[in-house]
Amino acid sequence: MTTLKEIEYKLLQINKRLGYSVEKYKPYRIGNNLVSNKGHYYLQRAYGRNRILQVVNEQGGARDVSSSGTKAEVYTFLQGMIEALESRV
């Protein structure tokens, strides 16, 4: 059974490997607004489903990277991303 901790670890590996911040937000605000780290990959969970998104701007806009699925399906997707990144070396 795949856990959220395992998925978060895979995301940590991907963000580090691609040179993106491991934190979704910068440590400061502009006005009263959080500032997102562009490029950061993260997990979104809703209605019992999971998917991977990537931040595309400092305002927090994101694009879908994976389709919605179970934790196991998302974990497999992330493992595939890591294998593809490793083959680029």
Protein backbone atom coordinates (compact mmCIF):
# COMPACT_ATOMS: atom_id res chain seq x y z
CA MET A 1 0.00 0.00 0.00
CA THR A 2 1.45 3.35 -1.08
CA THR A 3 1.62 6.09 1.53
CA LEU A 4 1.55 9.87 1.19
CA LYS A 5 5.02 9.97 2.72
CA GLU A 6 6.35 7.83 -0.15
CA ILE A 7 4.74 10.13 -2.72
CA GLU A 8 6.12 13.24 -1.01
CA TYR A 9 9.60 11.68 -1.03
CA LYS A 10 9.37 11.04 -4.79
CA LEU A 11 8.32 14.67 -5.30
CA LEU A 12 11.28 15.81 -3.21
CA GLN A 13 13.63 13.77 -5.42
CA ILE A 14 12.10 15.21 -8.62
CA ASN A 15 12.20 18.83 -7.43
CA LYS A 16 15.83 18.47 -6.32
CA ARG A 17 16.89 16.69 -9.52
CA LEU A 18 15.35 19.43 -11.69
CA GLY A 19 16.74 22.24 -9.54
CA TYR A 20 13.36 23.46 -8.32
CA SER A 21 12.64 24.56 -4.78
CA VAL A 22 11.49 21.81 -2.42
CA GLU A 23 9.11 24.32 -0.84
CA LYS A 24 5.93 25.42 -2.62
CA TYR A 25 6.15 28.98 -1.30
CA LYS A 26 8.95 31.50 -0.92
CA PRO A 27 9.74 32.57 2.67
CA TYR A 28 8.24 36.04 2.13
CA ARG A 29 5.02 37.66 0.98
CA ILE A 30 4.26 40.41 -1.48
CA GLY A 31 1.67 42.55 0.21
CA ASN A 32 -0.51 40.01 1.98
CA ASN A 33 -0.04 37.28 -0.64
CA LEU A 34 2.12 34.17 -0.55
CA VAL A 35 4.65 33.91 -3.38
CA SER A 36 4.92 30.52 -5.09
CA ASN A 37 8.16 28.94 -6.31
CA LYS A 38 7.83 28.59 -10.07
CA GLY A 39 8.56 25.07 -11.31
CA HIS A 40 7.81 23.31 -8.01
CA TYR A 41 6.00 19.95 -8.35
CA TYR A 42 3.42 19.07 -5.70
CA LEU A 43 0.59 16.70 -4.82
CA GLN A 44 -3.03 17.80 -4.85
CA ARG A 45 -5.68 15.65 -3.18
CA ALA A 46 -9.43 16.06 -3.64
CA TYR A 47 -12.44 13.75 -3.40
CA GLY A 48 -10.27 10.73 -2.66
CA ARG A 49 -8.18 11.26 -5.79
CA ASN A 50 -4.60 12.46 -6.21
CA ARG A 51 -2.72 14.25 -8.97
CA ILE A 52 0.58 15.99 -9.57
CA LEU A 53 0.74 19.67 -10.48
CA GLN A 54 3.54 22.07 -11.32
CA VAL A 55 3.58 25.74 -10.31
CA VAL A 56 3.78 27.96 -13.41
CA ASN A 57 3.85 31.46 -11.88
CA GLU A 58 4.49 33.28 -8.62
CA GLN A 59 0.76 33.75 -8.04
CA GLY A 60 0.33 29.98 -7.61
CA GLY A 61 -1.08 29.09 -11.01
CA ALA A 62 -0.43 25.43 -11.80
CA ARG A 63 -0.68 22.96 -14.63
CA ASP A 64 -1.69 19.32 -14.46
CA VAL A 65 1.26 16.99 -14.86
CA SER A 66 -0.58 13.73 -14.17
CA SER A 67 -4.14 12.59 -14.44
CA SER A 68 -6.15 12.06 -11.28
CA GLY A 69 -5.71 8.65 -9.69
CA THR A 70 -5.13 6.54 -6.63
CA LYS A 71 -2.02 6.98 -4.49
CA ALA A 72 -0.54 3.86 -6.11
CA GLU A 73 -1.18 5.22 -9.61
CA VAL A 74 0.39 8.59 -8.77
CA TYR A 75 3.38 6.85 -7.16
CA THR A 76 3.90 4.80 -10.32
CA PHE A 77 3.68 7.96 -12.43
CA LEU A 78 6.33 9.66 -10.25
CA GLN A 79 8.58 6.60 -10.44
CA GLY A 80 8.33 6.83 -14.23
CA MET A 81 9.31 10.51 -14.10
CA ILE A 82 12.37 9.68 -12.00
CA GLU A 83 13.40 6.87 -14.35
CA ALA A 84 13.05 9.22 -17.33
CA LEU A 85 15.15 11.87 -15.59
CA GLU A 86 17.82 9.30 -14.74
CA SER A 87 18.01 8.16 -18.36
CA ARG A 88 18.81 11.75 -19.41
CA VAL A 89 22.15 11.69 -17.58
